[in-house]
C-alpha cells in the first residue's frame, strides 16, 4: 500500500503491537498465589487411614508392653506413631464416648467442646507467635496437652459441667494415650508412618500433631 508521497507502508507485525503487562514470575502476587494453592492442595490430600481390625487393635495379635520411662524419647515416638496408625480407631472410640455423654447432657458437652477447642487454638496461635512457647511445645508435648486439659477443667468447672468434661473429654483422651503408650508397633505400623513422615500421606492426626510441634517425630 502507498501513501500520498508514494512511500510503501508495510503491515504492522505482531511483535510491534502493545503487549499486556504480566506480573514477573517472582512477584509477591505470584508467590502468595502459589502458597495458597499449595496449602489448599495439602488440605485436599488429607485422608484418614482405614480402621484397623479389632484383632490388631486389642485382641490376640496385639502386643502390649509397659514403656520404659527412663527413655522418654522412645516412649514419645511410640505414642506419636500409634496415634497416627490407629487414629481412625481412636476417633471412633472417642465419638462413642461423646455420643453417650451428649445424649444425657448435650448442652454441657457442647460448651465443653467449645472451651477445649478455643483453648487449643489459642495455644497454637501463641506457640506460632512466641518462640519460647514454641520451643516448649516442641520439647514437652504431653505437658502442653495436660495444661490445655487443666485449663479447660477450670473453665468448665465454673460453668458447672465437671462430670461432662471428665467423662466426655478427659477420659477418652486418657484412654487413647494409655493405649498408644503400651501398644507395641508392628512392621506395617512403621511403614505407613514413614509414608506420613516424608509427606506421601496426609491424615487428620498428622495435622493435629503438627499443631503440637511433633511432625518430625512421625516415622522415627
Protein backbone atom coordinates (compact mmCIF):
# COMPACT_ATOMS: atom_id res chain seq x y z
CA UNK A 1 0.00 0.00 0.00
CA UNK A 2 1.32 3.50 -0.91
CA UNK A 3 0.78 6.75 0.95
CA UNK A 4 0.27 10.14 -0.72
CA UNK A 5 4.06 10.58 -1.21
CA UNK A 6 4.44 7.18 -2.86
CA UNK A 7 6.14 5.51 0.11
CA UNK A 8 5.17 1.89 0.69
CA UNK A 9 3.58 1.28 4.06
CA UNK A 10 4.10 -2.22 5.45
CA UNK A 11 1.71 -4.10 7.65
CA UNK A 12 2.22 -3.96 11.34
CA UNK A 13 3.96 -7.05 12.62
CA UNK A 14 2.59 -8.88 15.59
CA UNK A 15 5.58 -8.00 17.75
CA UNK A 16 5.02 -4.30 17.11
CA UNK A 17 1.63 -4.44 18.82
CA UNK A 18 1.46 -3.45 22.51
CA UNK A 19 1.59 -6.45 24.82
CA UNK A 20 -0.36 -6.96 28.03
CA UNK A 21 1.82 -6.48 31.09
CA UNK A 22 2.14 -9.62 33.17
CA UNK A 23 3.49 -9.87 36.72
CA UNK A 24 7.03 -11.25 36.89
CA UNK A 25 7.24 -14.90 37.96
CA UNK A 26 8.61 -13.99 41.38
CA UNK A 27 6.28 -11.12 42.21
CA UNK A 28 4.53 -11.12 45.63
CA UNK A 29 1.21 -11.80 43.93
CA UNK A 30 2.54 -14.95 42.23
CA UNK A 31 4.26 -16.15 45.40
CA UNK A 32 1.13 -15.60 47.50
CA UNK A 33 -0.98 -17.39 44.92
CA UNK A 34 1.36 -20.38 44.89
CA UNK A 35 1.35 -20.57 48.70
CA UNK A 36 -2.44 -20.54 48.83
CA UNK A 37 -2.56 -23.20 46.11
CA UNK A 38 -0.04 -25.38 47.96
CA UNK A 39 -1.92 -25.08 51.25
CA UNK A 40 -5.27 -25.87 49.65
CA UNK A 41 -3.65 -28.80 47.87
CA UNK A 42 -2.34 -30.19 51.15
CA UNK A 43 -5.75 -29.89 52.80
CA UNK A 44 -7.38 -31.58 49.82
CA UNK A 45 -4.95 -34.50 50.14
CA UNK A 46 -5.81 -35.14 53.82
CA UNK A 47 -7.44 -38.56 54.20
CA UNK A 48 -7.99 -40.64 57.34
CA UNK A 49 -6.45 -44.11 57.30
CA UNK A 50 -8.69 -47.19 57.36
CA UNK A 51 -9.97 -48.67 60.59
CA UNK A 52 -7.61 -51.27 62.00
CA UNK A 53 -9.12 -54.63 62.80
CA UNK A 54 -10.18 -55.36 66.36
CA UNK A 55 -7.66 -58.19 66.38
CA UNK A 56 -4.87 -55.76 65.55
CA UNK A 57 -6.19 -53.04 67.86
CA UNK A 58 -6.92 -55.01 71.03
CA UNK A 59 -7.14 -58.80 70.68
CA UNK A 60 -4.86 -61.75 70.01
CA UNK A 61 -2.37 -60.29 67.51
CA UNK A 62 -1.94 -57.08 69.52
CA UNK A 63 1.20 -56.96 71.63
CA UNK A 64 1.46 -54.71 74.65
CA UNK A 65 4.32 -53.72 76.93
CA UNK A 66 4.88 -51.13 79.62
CA UNK A 67 7.05 -48.33 78.17
CA UNK A 68 10.50 -47.62 79.54
CA UNK A 69 10.00 -44.42 81.50
CA UNK A 70 13.78 -43.89 81.52
CA UNK A 71 13.78 -43.43 77.73
CA UNK A 72 11.32 -40.59 77.21
CA UNK A 73 12.22 -40.08 73.55
CA UNK A 74 11.41 -43.67 72.65
CA UNK A 75 8.19 -43.53 74.66
CA UNK A 76 7.19 -40.31 72.90
CA UNK A 77 7.91 -41.85 69.49
CA UNK A 78 5.75 -44.87 70.30
CA UNK A 79 2.83 -42.67 71.34
CA UNK A 80 3.05 -40.47 68.25
CA UNK A 81 3.34 -43.32 65.77
CA UNK A 82 0.50 -45.26 67.38
CA UNK A 83 -1.65 -42.13 67.31
CA UNK A 84 -1.04 -41.92 63.58
CA UNK A 85 -1.56 -45.60 62.84
CA UNK A 86 -4.67 -46.18 64.99
CA UNK A 87 -6.17 -42.70 64.63
CA UNK A 88 -9.40 -43.90 62.99
CA UNK A 89 -9.95 -46.35 65.85
CA UNK A 90 -9.21 -43.64 68.38
CA UNK A 91 -11.57 -41.14 66.73
CA UNK A 92 -14.35 -43.70 66.56
CA UNK A 93 -13.89 -44.65 70.23
CA UNK A 94 -13.88 -41.00 71.30
CA UNK A 95 -17.03 -40.34 69.28
CA UNK A 96 -18.70 -43.22 71.10
CA UNK A 97 -17.98 -41.61 74.47
CA UNK A 98 -19.11 -38.22 73.17
CA UNK A 99 -22.35 -39.69 71.86
CA UNK A 100 -23.17 -41.34 75.19
CA UNK A 101 -22.39 -38.23 77.24
CA UNK A 102 -24.05 -35.94 74.70
CA UNK A 103 -27.24 -37.99 74.83
CA UNK A 104 -27.69 -37.13 78.52
CA UNK A 105 -26.06 -33.68 78.64
CA UNK A 106 -25.93 -32.23 75.11
CA UNK A 107 -25.66 -28.55 76.03
CA UNK A 108 -22.90 -29.02 78.61
CA UNK A 109 -20.97 -31.23 76.21
CA UNK A 110 -21.26 -28.56 73.52
CA UNK A 111 -19.98 -25.90 75.91
CA UNK A 112 -17.10 -28.15 76.98
CA UNK A 113 -16.13 -28.87 73.38
CA UNK A 114 -16.17 -25.16 72.55
CA UNK A 115 -13.99 -24.32 75.56
CA UNK A 116 -11.42 -27.02 74.74
CA UNK A 117 -11.33 -26.02 71.08
CA UNK A 118 -10.84 -22.32 71.83
CA UNK A 119 -8.10 -23.01 74.36
CA UNK A 120 -6.33 -25.34 71.94
CA UNK A 121 -6.49 -22.82 69.09
CA UNK A 122 -5.29 -20.07 71.43
CA UNK A 123 -2.36 -22.22 72.49
CA UNK A 124 -1.41 -22.99 68.87
CA UNK A 125 -1.59 -19.28 67.95
CA UNK A 126 0.58 -18.34 70.92
CA UNK A 127 3.14 -21.03 70.06
CA UNK A 128 3.34 -19.85 66.46
CA UNK A 129 4.00 -16.25 67.54
CA UNK A 130 6.15 -16.76 70.66
CA UNK A 131 9.47 -18.58 70.26
CA UNK A 132 9.77 -19.72 73.93
CA UNK A 133 6.28 -21.24 73.84
CA UNK A 134 7.09 -22.88 70.51
CA UNK A 135 10.24 -24.49 71.90
CA UNK A 136 8.38 -25.69 75.00
CA UNK A 137 5.63 -27.16 72.79
CA UNK A 138 8.24 -28.98 70.72
CA UNK A 139 10.08 -30.44 73.72
CA UNK A 140 7.17 -31.14 76.09
CA UNK A 141 4.01 -32.00 74.11
CA UNK A 142 2.49 -34.13 76.90
CA UNK A 143 2.75 -31.28 79.38
CA UNK A 144 1.10 -28.96 76.85
CA UNK A 145 -1.84 -31.34 76.46
CA UNK A 146 -2.18 -31.58 80.25
CA UNK A 147 -2.09 -27.79 80.60
CA UNK A 148 -4.83 -27.42 77.98
CA UNK A 149 -6.97 -30.04 79.73
CA UNK A 150 -6.37 -28.46 83.15
CA UNK A 151 -7.29 -25.02 81.88
CA UNK A 152 -10.39 -26.50 80.25
CA UNK A 153 -11.32 -28.16 83.52
CA UNK A 154 -11.04 -24.86 85.40
CA UNK A 155 -13.19 -23.00 82.90
CA UNK A 156 -15.82 -25.75 82.66
CA UNK A 157 -15.97 -26.16 86.45
CA UNK A 158 -17.10 -22.54 86.67
CA UNK A 159 -19.88 -23.37 84.21
CA UNK A 160 -20.94 -26.44 86.18
CA UNK A 161 -20.01 -29.15 83.69
CA UNK A 162 -17.25 -31.05 85.53
CA UNK A 163 -18.75 -34.53 85.05
CA UNK A 164 -19.29 -33.92 81.35
CA UNK A 165 -15.67 -32.80 81.00
CA UNK A 166 -14.29 -35.79 82.91
CA UNK A 167 -16.27 -38.50 81.11
CA UNK A 168 -16.80 -36.89 77.73
CA UNK A 169 -13.39 -35.28 77.11
CA UNK A 170 -10.70 -36.16 79.66
CA UNK A 171 -11.46 -39.90 79.93
CA UNK A 172 -11.35 -40.60 76.15
CA UNK A 173 -8.09 -38.66 75.84
CA UNK A 174 -6.62 -40.63 78.75
CA UNK A 175 -7.67 -43.98 77.26
CA UNK A 176 -6.17 -43.06 73.88
CA UNK A 177 -2.85 -42.06 75.46
CA UNK A 178 -2.72 -45.24 77.57
CA UNK A 179 -3.29 -47.48 74.54
CA UNK A 180 -0.77 -45.54 72.43
CA UNK A 181 1.77 -45.86 75.25
CA UNK A 182 1.58 -49.63 75.76
CA UNK A 183 0.81 -50.89 72.22
CA UNK A 184 3.97 -52.19 70.55
CA UNK A 185 4.43 -51.16 66.93
CA UNK A 186 4.22 -53.65 64.06
CA UNK A 187 6.14 -53.57 60.77
CA UNK A 188 3.07 -52.25 58.94
CA UNK A 189 2.72 -49.55 61.56
CA UNK A 190 6.30 -48.38 60.98
CA UNK A 191 5.96 -48.48 57.17
CA UNK A 192 2.75 -46.43 57.00
CA UNK A 193 4.04 -43.85 59.47
CA UNK A 194 7.19 -43.47 57.38
CA UNK A 195 4.99 -42.54 54.41
CA UNK A 196 3.35 -39.88 56.58
CA UNK A 197 6.69 -38.51 57.77
CA UNK A 198 8.04 -38.00 54.23
CA UNK A 199 4.83 -36.35 53.04
CA UNK A 200 3.40 -39.10 50.82
CA UNK A 201 0.30 -39.33 53.03
CA UNK A 202 -1.60 -36.68 54.97
CA UNK A 203 -4.01 -37.54 57.78
CA UNK A 204 -6.08 -35.57 60.34
CA UNK A 205 -3.92 -36.81 63.22
CA UNK A 206 -0.82 -35.71 61.34
CA UNK A 207 -2.20 -32.18 61.15
CA UNK A 208 -3.06 -32.28 64.86
CA UNK A 209 0.46 -33.42 65.73
CA UNK A 210 1.88 -30.65 63.56
CA UNK A 211 -0.14 -28.18 65.63
CA UNK A 212 1.60 -29.63 68.70
CA UNK A 213 5.02 -29.35 67.06
CA UNK A 214 5.53 -33.11 66.69
CA UNK A 215 5.54 -33.54 62.90
CA UNK A 216 9.23 -34.55 62.81
CA UNK A 217 8.74 -37.44 65.23
CA UNK A 218 6.44 -39.47 62.98
CA UNK A 219 8.04 -42.47 61.38
CA UNK A 220 11.10 -42.48 63.65
